PDB file of N, CA and C in Angstrom:
ATOM      1  N   MET A   1    -132.261-175.850   6.720  1.00  0.00           N
ATOM      2  CA  MET A   1    -131.554-176.330   8.090  1.00  0.00           C
ATOM      3  C   MET A   1    -132.002-176.062   9.423  1.00  0.00           C
ATOM      4  N   PHE A   2    -132.529-174.882   9.427  1.00  0.00           N
ATOM      5  CA  PHE A   2    -132.891-174.366  10.550  1.00  0.00           C
ATOM      6  C   PHE A   2    -134.132-175.329  11.388  1.00  0.00           C
ATOM      7  N   TYR A   3    -134.836-175.806  10.395  1.00  0.00           N
ATOM      8  CA  TYR A   3    -135.909-176.556  10.881  1.00  0.00           C
ATOM      9  C   TYR A   3    -135.418-177.857  11.194  1.00  0.00           C
ATOM     10  N   LEU A   4    -134.386-178.324  10.475  1.00  0.00           N
ATOM     11  CA  LEU A   4    -133.868-179.638  11.001  1.00  0.00           C
ATOM     12  C   LEU A   4    -133.155-179.777  12.261  1.00  0.00           C
ATOM     13  N   CYS A   5    -132.720-178.555  12.495  1.00  0.00           N
ATOM     14  CA  CYS A   5    -131.951-178.550  13.890  1.00  0.00           C
ATOM     15  C   CYS A   5    -132.501-178.182  15.075  1.00  0.00           C
ATOM     16  N   ARG A   6    -133.439-177.326  14.724  1.00  0.00           N
ATOM     17  CA  ARG A   6    -134.301-176.804  15.804  1.00  0.00           C
ATOM     18  C   ARG A   6    -135.720-177.685  16.072  1.00  0.00           C
ATOM     19  N   LEU A   7    -136.110-178.440  15.061  1.00  0.00           N
ATOM     20  CA  LEU A   7    -137.513-178.791  15.261  1.00  0.00           C
ATOM     21  C   LEU A   7    -137.439-180.012  15.044  1.00  0.00           C
ATOM     22  N   GLU A   8    -136.549-180.843  14.025  1.00  0.00           N
ATOM     23  CA  GLU A   8    -136.352-182.375  13.999  1.00  0.00           C
ATOM     24  C   GLU A   8    -135.192-182.906  15.172  1.00  0.00           C
ATOM     25  N   ASN A   9    -134.634-182.000  15.515  1.00  0.00           N
ATOM     26  CA  ASN A   9    -133.294-182.256  16.560  1.00  0.00           C
ATOM     27  C   ASN A   9    -132.106-182.724  15.785  1.00  0.00           C
ATOM     28  N   LEU A  10    -131.940-182.432  14.852  1.00  0.00           N
ATOM     29  CA  LEU A  10    -130.768-183.536  13.779  1.00  0.00           C
ATOM     30  C   LEU A  10    -129.544-182.579  14.504  1.00  0.00           C
ATOM     31  N   LYS A  11    -128.418-182.819  14.933  1.00  0.00           N
ATOM     32  CA  LYS A  11    -127.058-182.759  14.943  1.00  0.00           C
ATOM     33  C   LYS A  11    -126.588-181.980  13.581  1.00  0.00           C
ATOM     34  N   MET A  12    -125.787-181.220  13.991  1.00  0.00           N
ATOM     35  CA  MET A  12    -125.287-180.205  13.076  1.00  0.00           C
ATOM     36  C   MET A  12    -124.336-181.407  11.740  1.00  0.00           C
ATOM     37  N   ARG A  13    -123.931-182.420  12.228  1.00  0.00           N
ATOM     38  CA  ARG A  13    -123.149-183.025  11.587  1.00  0.00           C
ATOM     39  C   ARG A  13    -123.911-183.624  10.580  1.00  0.00           C
ATOM     40  N   GLU A  14    -124.760-183.990  11.373  1.00  0.00           N
ATOM     41  CA  GLU A  14    -125.901-184.888  10.353  1.00  0.00           C
ATOM     42  C   GLU A  14    -126.732-184.277   9.049  1.00  0.00           C
ATOM     43  N   ILE A  15    -126.973-182.518   9.392  1.00  0.00           N
ATOM     44  CA  ILE A  15    -127.411-181.959   8.513  1.00  0.00           C
ATOM     45  C   ILE A  15    -126.189-181.751   7.516  1.00  0.00           C
ATOM     46  N   GLY A  16    -124.950-181.005   7.998  1.00  0.00           N
ATOM     47  CA  GLY A  16    -123.923-181.249   6.925  1.00  0.00           C
ATOM     48  C   GLY A  16    -123.806-182.323   6.197  1.00  0.00           C
ATOM     49  N   ASN A  17    -123.833-183.545   6.458  1.00  0.00           N
ATOM     50  CA  ASN A  17    -123.874-184.996   6.077  1.00  0.00           C
ATOM     51  C   ASN A  17    -124.933-184.980   4.594  1.00  0.00           C
ATOM     52  N   LEU A  18    -126.232-184.410   5.071  1.00  0.00           N
ATOM     53  CA  LEU A  18    -127.228-184.421   4.273  1.00  0.00           C
ATOM     54  C   LEU A  18    -126.843-183.333   3.246  1.00  0.00           C
ATOM     55  N   TYR A  19    -126.403-182.494   3.124  1.00  0.00           N
ATOM     56  CA  TYR A  19    -126.314-181.424   2.166  1.00  0.00           C
ATOM     57  C   TYR A  19    -124.771-181.430   1.757  1.00  0.00           C
ATOM     58  N   GLY A  20    -124.118-182.317   2.274  1.00  0.00           N
ATOM     59  CA  GLY A  20    -122.750-182.282   1.722  1.00  0.00           C
ATOM     60  C   GLY A  20    -121.817-180.990   1.888  1.00  0.00           C
ATOM     61  N   ILE A  21    -122.058-180.651   3.000  1.00  0.00           N
ATOM     62  CA  ILE A  21    -121.669-179.341   3.745  1.00  0.00           C
ATOM     63  C   ILE A  21    -120.929-179.730   5.099  1.00  0.00           C
ATOM     64  N   SER A  22    -119.461-178.792   5.611  1.00  0.00           N
ATOM     65  CA  SER A  22    -119.175-178.848   6.608  1.00  0.00           C
ATOM     66  C   SER A  22    -120.160-178.559   7.798  1.00  0.00           C
ATOM     67  N   GLU A  23    -119.828-179.036   8.862  1.00  0.00           N
ATOM     68  CA  GLU A  23    -120.686-178.838  10.096  1.00  0.00           C
ATOM     69  C   GLU A  23    -120.935-177.177  10.582  1.00  0.00           C
ATOM     70  N   SER A  24    -119.193-176.329  10.175  1.00  0.00           N
ATOM     71  CA  SER A  24    -119.393-175.082  10.552  1.00  0.00           C
ATOM     72  C   SER A  24    -120.201-174.201   9.251  1.00  0.00           C
ATOM     73  N   ALA A  25    -120.333-174.764   8.136  1.00  0.00           N
ATOM     74  CA  ALA A  25    -121.154-174.484   7.387  1.00  0.00           C
ATOM     75  C   ALA A  25    -122.937-173.968   8.019  1.00  0.00           C
ATOM     76  N   VAL A  26    -123.106-175.714   8.292  1.00  0.00           N
ATOM     77  CA  VAL A  26    -124.656-175.421   8.797  1.00  0.00           C
ATOM     78  C   VAL A  26    -124.743-174.621   9.823  1.00  0.00           C
ATOM     79  N   GLU A  27    -123.657-174.262  10.497  1.00  0.00           N
ATOM     80  CA  GLU A  27    -123.590-173.163  11.892  1.00  0.00           C
ATOM     81  C   GLU A  27    -124.111-172.050  11.510  1.00  0.00           C
ATOM     82  N   LYS A  28    -123.386-171.764  10.270  1.00  0.00           N
ATOM     83  CA  LYS A  28    -123.631-170.509   9.820  1.00  0.00           C
ATOM     84  C   LYS A  28    -124.782-170.159   9.490  1.00  0.00           C
ATOM     85  N   GLN A  29    -125.023-171.343   8.708  1.00  0.00           N
ATOM     86  CA  GLN A  29    -126.669-171.154   7.940  1.00  0.00           C
ATOM     87  C   GLN A  29    -127.773-171.002   8.983  1.00  0.00           C
ATOM     88  N   VAL A  30    -127.414-171.768  10.116  1.00  0.00           N
ATOM     89  CA  VAL A  30    -128.798-171.884  11.060  1.00  0.00           C
ATOM     90  C   VAL A  30    -128.472-170.506  11.961  1.00  0.00           C
ATOM     91  N   ALA A  31    -127.272-169.730  12.331  1.00  0.00           N
ATOM     92  CA  ALA A  31    -127.517-168.657  12.628  1.00  0.00           C
ATOM     93  C   ALA A  31    -127.653-167.604  12.144  1.00  0.00           C
ATOM     94  N   LYS A  32    -127.500-167.400  10.421  1.00  0.00           N
ATOM     95  CA  LYS A  32    -128.111-166.522   9.842  1.00  0.00           C
ATOM     96  C   LYS A  32    -129.852-166.404   9.862  1.00  0.00           C
ATOM     97  N   ALA A  33    -130.157-167.724   9.455  1.00  0.00           N
ATOM     98  CA  ALA A  33    -131.512-168.225   9.774  1.00  0.00           C
ATOM     99  C   ALA A  33    -132.418-167.298  11.326  1.00  0.00           C
ATOM    100  N   LEU A  34    -132.013-167.993  12.285  1.00  0.00           N
ATOM    101  CA  LEU A  34    -132.106-167.290  13.882  1.00  0.00           C
ATOM    102  C   LEU A  34    -132.195-165.484  13.577  1.00  0.00           C
ATOM    103  N   SER A  35    -130.680-164.991  13.238  1.00  0.00           N
ATOM    104  CA  SER A  35    -130.754-163.545  12.886  1.00  0.00           C
ATOM    105  C   SER A  35    -131.942-163.176  12.123  1.00  0.00           C
ATOM    106  N   HIS A  36    -132.280-163.509  10.837  1.00  0.00           N
ATOM    107  CA  HIS A  36    -133.430-163.227  10.163  1.00  0.00           C
ATOM    108  C   HIS A  36    -134.636-163.629  10.925  1.00  0.00           C
ATOM    109  N   LEU A  37    -135.152-164.637  11.463  1.00  0.00           N
ATOM    110  CA  LEU A  37    -136.550-164.889  12.316  1.00  0.00           C
ATOM    111  C   LEU A  37    -136.282-163.149  13.281  1.00  0.00           C
ATOM    112  N   THR A  38    -135.260-163.251  14.151  1.00  0.00           N
ATOM    113  CA  THR A  38    -135.039-161.972  15.046  1.00  0.00           C
ATOM    114  C   THR A  38    -135.572-160.829  14.725  1.00  0.00           C
ATOM    115  N   ARG A  39    -134.997-160.467  13.654  1.00  0.00           N
ATOM    116  CA  ARG A  39    -135.360-159.358  12.923  1.00  0.00           C
ATOM    117  C   ARG A  39    -136.658-159.129  12.518  1.00  0.00           C
ATOM    118  N   ARG A  40    -137.313-160.178  11.905  1.00  0.00           N
ATOM    119  CA  ARG A  40    -138.857-160.207  11.484  1.00  0.00           C
ATOM    120  C   ARG A  40    -139.533-160.004  12.742  1.00  0.00           C
ATOM    121  N   ILE A  41    -139.095-160.420  13.904  1.00  0.00           N
ATOM    122  CA  ILE A  41    -139.969-160.319  15.027  1.00  0.00           C
ATOM    123  C   ILE A  41    -140.105-159.074  16.038  1.00  0.00           C
ATOM    124  N   TYR A  42    -138.620-158.825  15.866  1.00  0.00           N
ATOM    125  CA  TYR A  42    -138.659-157.367  16.714  1.00  0.00           C
ATOM    126  C   TYR A  42    -137.942-156.036  15.687  1.00  0.00           C
ATOM    127  N   GLY A  43    -137.846-156.306  14.648  1.00  0.00           N
ATOM    128  CA  GLY A  43    -137.460-155.349  13.376  1.00  0.00           C
ATOM    129  C   GLY A  43    -135.991-155.046  13.931  1.00  0.00           C
ATOM    130  N   ASP A  44    -135.591-154.052  12.861  1.00  0.00           N
ATOM    131  CA  ASP A  44    -134.291-153.802  12.816  1.00  0.00           C
ATOM    132  C   ASP A  44    -133.664-152.462  13.976  1.00  0.00           C
ATOM    133  N   ASP A  45    -134.469-152.742  14.676  1.00  0.00           N
ATOM    134  CA  ASP A  45    -133.823-151.663  15.475  1.00  0.00           C
ATOM    135  C   ASP A  45    -132.768-152.217  16.305  1.00  0.00           C
TER     136      ASP A  45
END
């Protein structure tokens, strides 16, 4: 979902439709992925 949103420029609504989930669920997953990547880059500090 992160890839589709950030790199393929799909809208959250479009991604939700692809996966059969709500737009807010997509937003949560993208935020979770961004948080994970940030921790991996900068550490858990």
